[in-house]
N, C-alpha and C. Protein backbone atom coordinates (compact mmCIF):
# COMPACT_ATOMS: atom_id res chain seq x y z
N MET A 1 0.85 -1.16 0.00
CA MET A 1 0.00 0.00 0.00
C MET A 1 0.90 1.24 0.00
N ILE A 2 0.52 2.21 -0.79
CA ILE A 2 1.26 3.47 -0.90
C ILE A 2 0.28 4.62 -0.70
N TYR A 3 0.66 5.57 0.13
CA TYR A 3 -0.17 6.78 0.24
C TYR A 3 0.70 7.98 0.58
N ASP A 4 0.23 9.14 0.14
CA ASP A 4 0.92 10.40 0.38
C ASP A 4 0.33 11.08 1.61
N PHE A 5 1.13 11.94 2.22
CA PHE A 5 0.67 12.71 3.37
C PHE A 5 1.27 14.11 3.32
N LYS A 6 0.69 15.01 4.09
CA LYS A 6 1.21 16.36 4.25
C LYS A 6 1.01 16.75 5.71
N LEU A 7 2.08 17.11 6.37
CA LEU A 7 1.97 17.52 7.77
C LEU A 7 1.20 18.83 7.85
N ASP A 8 0.49 19.03 8.94
CA ASP A 8 -0.26 20.27 9.10
C ASP A 8 0.43 21.20 10.11
N TYR A 9 1.69 20.96 10.36
CA TYR A 9 2.47 21.80 11.27
C TYR A 9 3.89 21.95 10.74
N GLY A 10 4.67 22.81 11.38
CA GLY A 10 6.05 23.05 10.95
C GLY A 10 6.09 23.61 9.53
N ASP A 11 6.96 23.05 8.70
CA ASP A 11 7.07 23.48 7.31
C ASP A 11 6.08 22.75 6.40
N LYS A 12 5.16 22.00 7.01
CA LYS A 12 4.12 21.27 6.28
C LYS A 12 4.72 20.36 5.20
N ASN A 13 5.70 19.56 5.65
CA ASN A 13 6.38 18.64 4.75
C ASN A 13 5.42 17.64 4.13
N THR A 14 5.68 17.31 2.87
CA THR A 14 4.92 16.28 2.17
C THR A 14 5.76 15.02 2.12
N GLY A 15 5.09 13.89 2.02
CA GLY A 15 5.82 12.64 1.96
C GLY A 15 4.97 11.50 1.45
N THR A 16 5.58 10.33 1.43
CA THR A 16 4.91 9.12 0.97
C THR A 16 5.24 7.99 1.93
N VAL A 17 4.23 7.17 2.21
CA VAL A 17 4.38 5.98 3.04
C VAL A 17 4.27 4.77 2.13
N TYR A 18 5.21 3.84 2.27
CA TYR A 18 5.19 2.57 1.54
C TYR A 18 5.08 1.46 2.56
N LEU A 19 3.98 0.72 2.50
CA LEU A 19 3.77 -0.40 3.42
C LEU A 19 3.85 -1.70 2.64
N PRO A 20 4.35 -2.77 3.26
CA PRO A 20 4.38 -4.06 2.58
C PRO A 20 2.97 -4.46 2.12
N ASP A 21 2.90 -5.27 1.06
CA ASP A 21 1.60 -5.69 0.53
C ASP A 21 0.74 -6.37 1.58
N LYS A 22 1.35 -7.13 2.44
CA LYS A 22 0.60 -7.79 3.52
C LYS A 22 0.50 -6.82 4.68
N HIS A 23 -0.36 -5.82 4.55
CA HIS A 23 -0.53 -4.83 5.62
C HIS A 23 -1.42 -5.43 6.69
N ASP A 24 -0.80 -6.15 7.59
CA ASP A 24 -1.56 -6.85 8.62
C ASP A 24 -1.10 -6.51 10.03
N GLY A 25 -0.49 -5.37 10.19
CA GLY A 25 -0.08 -5.03 11.53
C GLY A 25 0.89 -3.88 11.57
N LYS A 26 1.82 -4.01 12.49
CA LYS A 26 2.81 -2.96 12.70
C LYS A 26 4.14 -3.40 12.12
N TYR A 27 4.93 -2.40 11.72
CA TYR A 27 6.20 -2.67 11.06
C TYR A 27 7.30 -1.81 11.63
N SER A 28 8.52 -2.31 11.50
CA SER A 28 9.68 -1.44 11.67
C SER A 28 9.58 -0.41 10.56
N VAL A 29 10.03 0.80 10.83
CA VAL A 29 9.92 1.88 9.85
C VAL A 29 11.29 2.50 9.62
N ILE A 30 11.62 2.68 8.36
CA ILE A 30 12.81 3.42 8.00
C ILE A 30 12.36 4.73 7.37
N ILE A 31 12.95 5.83 7.83
CA ILE A 31 12.67 7.14 7.24
C ILE A 31 13.80 7.45 6.27
N TYR A 32 13.44 7.62 5.01
CA TYR A 32 14.41 7.92 3.96
C TYR A 32 14.62 9.43 3.92
N SER A 33 15.82 9.85 4.24
CA SER A 33 16.15 11.27 4.30
C SER A 33 17.09 11.60 3.13
N HIS A 34 16.55 12.23 2.09
CA HIS A 34 17.38 12.54 0.92
C HIS A 34 18.39 13.63 1.24
N GLY A 35 19.41 13.74 0.41
CA GLY A 35 20.46 14.73 0.61
C GLY A 35 20.03 16.12 0.17
N TRP A 36 20.93 17.06 0.29
CA TRP A 36 20.66 18.45 -0.10
C TRP A 36 20.20 18.49 -1.54
N ASP A 37 19.14 19.26 -1.78
CA ASP A 37 18.61 19.49 -3.12
C ASP A 37 18.22 18.18 -3.82
N GLY A 38 17.81 17.19 -3.04
CA GLY A 38 17.44 15.90 -3.59
C GLY A 38 15.94 15.73 -3.71
N ASN A 39 15.51 14.49 -3.84
CA ASN A 39 14.08 14.21 -3.87
C ASN A 39 13.80 12.95 -3.08
N ARG A 40 12.54 12.69 -2.84
CA ARG A 40 12.17 11.60 -1.94
C ARG A 40 11.99 10.25 -2.63
N ASN A 41 12.39 10.12 -3.87
CA ASN A 41 12.28 8.84 -4.57
C ASN A 41 13.30 7.85 -4.01
N PRO A 42 12.83 6.76 -3.37
CA PRO A 42 13.76 5.83 -2.73
C PRO A 42 14.46 4.87 -3.70
N GLY A 43 14.02 4.81 -4.94
CA GLY A 43 14.66 3.96 -5.93
C GLY A 43 14.67 2.48 -5.55
N ALA A 44 15.81 1.84 -5.77
CA ALA A 44 15.94 0.40 -5.57
C ALA A 44 15.83 -0.04 -4.12
N VAL A 45 16.05 0.87 -3.20
CA VAL A 45 15.96 0.53 -1.78
C VAL A 45 14.56 0.03 -1.42
N LEU A 46 13.56 0.59 -2.07
CA LEU A 46 12.17 0.31 -1.72
C LEU A 46 11.82 -1.17 -1.78
N GLN A 47 12.06 -1.83 -2.87
CA GLN A 47 11.67 -3.24 -3.03
C GLN A 47 12.35 -4.13 -2.00
N LYS A 48 13.59 -3.86 -1.70
CA LYS A 48 14.31 -4.66 -0.70
C LYS A 48 13.65 -4.54 0.67
N LEU A 49 13.30 -3.32 1.07
CA LEU A 49 12.69 -3.12 2.38
C LEU A 49 11.31 -3.75 2.47
N LEU A 50 10.50 -3.55 1.45
CA LEU A 50 9.15 -4.10 1.48
C LEU A 50 9.20 -5.63 1.51
N GLY A 51 10.18 -6.21 0.85
CA GLY A 51 10.35 -7.66 0.88
C GLY A 51 10.72 -8.18 2.26
N GLU A 52 11.24 -7.31 3.10
CA GLU A 52 11.62 -7.67 4.46
C GLU A 52 10.55 -7.25 5.47
N ASN A 53 9.36 -6.88 5.00
CA ASN A 53 8.27 -6.43 5.86
C ASN A 53 8.65 -5.20 6.69
N ILE A 54 9.33 -4.27 6.05
CA ILE A 54 9.71 -3.01 6.67
C ILE A 54 9.00 -1.88 5.93
N ALA A 55 8.37 -1.00 6.68
CA ALA A 55 7.71 0.16 6.07
C ALA A 55 8.76 1.23 5.78
N LEU A 56 8.49 2.02 4.75
CA LEU A 56 9.40 3.10 4.37
C LEU A 56 8.61 4.40 4.29
N VAL A 57 9.15 5.44 4.89
CA VAL A 57 8.55 6.78 4.82
C VAL A 57 9.58 7.69 4.16
N THR A 58 9.17 8.34 3.10
CA THR A 58 10.03 9.32 2.43
C THR A 58 9.34 10.68 2.53
N PHE A 59 10.13 11.75 2.42
CA PHE A 59 9.53 13.08 2.52
C PHE A 59 10.41 14.10 1.83
N ASP A 60 9.82 15.24 1.52
CA ASP A 60 10.54 16.36 0.94
C ASP A 60 10.85 17.37 2.04
N TYR A 61 12.10 17.77 2.09
CA TYR A 61 12.48 18.84 3.00
C TYR A 61 11.94 20.17 2.49
N TYR A 62 11.99 21.18 3.34
CA TYR A 62 11.62 22.54 2.97
C TYR A 62 12.40 22.95 1.72
N GLY A 63 11.70 23.52 0.76
CA GLY A 63 12.35 23.98 -0.46
C GLY A 63 12.54 22.91 -1.51
N CYS A 64 12.11 21.69 -1.22
CA CYS A 64 12.28 20.57 -2.16
C CYS A 64 10.93 19.96 -2.51
N GLY A 65 10.83 19.49 -3.74
CA GLY A 65 9.65 18.74 -4.17
C GLY A 65 8.34 19.43 -3.86
N GLU A 66 7.38 18.64 -3.38
CA GLU A 66 6.02 19.13 -3.13
C GLU A 66 5.89 19.94 -1.85
N THR A 67 6.89 19.89 -0.97
CA THR A 67 6.81 20.70 0.25
C THR A 67 6.89 22.17 -0.10
N GLY A 68 7.71 22.50 -1.08
CA GLY A 68 7.82 23.89 -1.51
C GLY A 68 8.58 24.75 -0.52
N GLY A 69 8.64 26.02 -0.83
CA GLY A 69 9.38 26.97 -0.02
C GLY A 69 10.63 27.43 -0.76
N ASP A 70 11.24 28.45 -0.24
CA ASP A 70 12.43 29.04 -0.84
C ASP A 70 13.66 28.27 -0.35
N TYR A 71 14.25 27.47 -1.24
CA TYR A 71 15.38 26.62 -0.86
C TYR A 71 16.55 27.43 -0.31
N SER A 72 16.67 28.70 -0.70
CA SER A 72 17.78 29.51 -0.18
C SER A 72 17.63 29.76 1.32
N LYS A 73 16.46 29.47 1.88
CA LYS A 73 16.23 29.64 3.32
C LYS A 73 16.37 28.32 4.09
N MET A 74 16.86 27.28 3.41
CA MET A 74 17.09 26.00 4.06
C MET A 74 18.37 26.09 4.88
N THR A 75 18.30 25.71 6.14
CA THR A 75 19.44 25.75 7.05
C THR A 75 19.58 24.39 7.72
N TYR A 76 20.69 24.17 8.40
CA TYR A 76 20.86 22.93 9.15
C TYR A 76 19.80 22.81 10.25
N CYS A 77 19.48 23.90 10.88
CA CYS A 77 18.45 23.89 11.92
C CYS A 77 17.10 23.50 11.34
N ARG A 78 16.77 24.06 10.20
CA ARG A 78 15.49 23.73 9.55
C ARG A 78 15.50 22.27 9.12
N TRP A 79 16.63 21.79 8.60
CA TRP A 79 16.77 20.38 8.20
C TRP A 79 16.48 19.47 9.39
N LYS A 80 17.09 19.78 10.54
CA LYS A 80 16.88 19.01 11.76
C LYS A 80 15.42 19.06 12.19
N ASN A 81 14.80 20.23 12.14
CA ASN A 81 13.40 20.36 12.53
C ASN A 81 12.47 19.60 11.60
N ASN A 82 12.74 19.64 10.30
CA ASN A 82 11.91 18.87 9.36
C ASN A 82 11.99 17.39 9.67
N LEU A 83 13.20 16.89 9.89
CA LEU A 83 13.36 15.46 10.19
C LEU A 83 12.67 15.12 11.51
N ARG A 84 12.77 15.97 12.50
CA ARG A 84 12.10 15.74 13.78
C ARG A 84 10.57 15.72 13.62
N ASP A 85 10.04 16.62 12.80
CA ASP A 85 8.60 16.64 12.55
C ASP A 85 8.14 15.32 11.93
N ILE A 86 8.91 14.81 10.98
CA ILE A 86 8.55 13.55 10.33
C ILE A 86 8.63 12.40 11.34
N LEU A 87 9.67 12.38 12.14
CA LEU A 87 9.80 11.33 13.16
C LEU A 87 8.63 11.38 14.13
N ASP A 88 8.26 12.56 14.59
CA ASP A 88 7.11 12.69 15.50
C ASP A 88 5.84 12.17 14.84
N TRP A 89 5.67 12.46 13.55
CA TRP A 89 4.48 12.02 12.83
C TRP A 89 4.47 10.49 12.73
N VAL A 90 5.61 9.91 12.37
CA VAL A 90 5.69 8.45 12.22
C VAL A 90 5.36 7.75 13.53
N ILE A 91 5.87 8.26 14.63
CA ILE A 91 5.63 7.65 15.94
C ILE A 91 4.14 7.55 16.24
N GLU A 92 3.35 8.47 15.73
CA GLU A 92 1.91 8.48 15.98
C GLU A 92 1.11 7.59 15.03
N GLN A 93 1.74 7.02 14.03
CA GLN A 93 1.01 6.24 13.03
C GLN A 93 0.75 4.81 13.51
N PRO A 94 -0.42 4.26 13.17
CA PRO A 94 -0.76 2.91 13.63
C PRO A 94 0.10 1.81 13.03
N PHE A 95 0.79 2.07 11.93
CA PHE A 95 1.63 1.04 11.31
C PHE A 95 3.02 0.95 11.94
N ALA A 96 3.40 1.92 12.78
CA ALA A 96 4.75 1.98 13.34
C ALA A 96 4.87 1.11 14.59
N ASP A 97 5.77 0.15 14.54
CA ASP A 97 6.04 -0.72 15.69
C ASP A 97 7.12 -0.08 16.54
N LEU A 98 6.73 0.59 17.60
CA LEU A 98 7.68 1.32 18.43
C LEU A 98 8.55 0.40 19.30
N SER A 99 8.20 -0.87 19.37
CA SER A 99 9.02 -1.80 20.15
C SER A 99 10.26 -2.23 19.37
N ARG A 100 10.35 -1.86 18.10
CA ARG A 100 11.47 -2.28 17.25
C ARG A 100 12.34 -1.09 16.87
N ARG A 101 12.72 -0.29 17.82
CA ARG A 101 13.55 0.90 17.53
C ARG A 101 14.97 0.51 17.30
């Protein structure tokens, strides 16, 4: 199962959740954090993780992709805050197995 999301707080980051086909519970989750001026396409990593029953969450940082914003205002502090916002969001999701940190 694949679905997109948009946070309603912080920089309102957009992202995509990839769940294994057998969506029957909770999963370990990997957050894919692209590099500077990158995009959230996980490429070949995706199939390997889904085959191992691991969920994958990708997202666009401020100034990238669908999140939008002026990339010239991207800072290390903002990068850290965007990643923290995504982590906080993932922790609240019913598919995230918090016992497998």
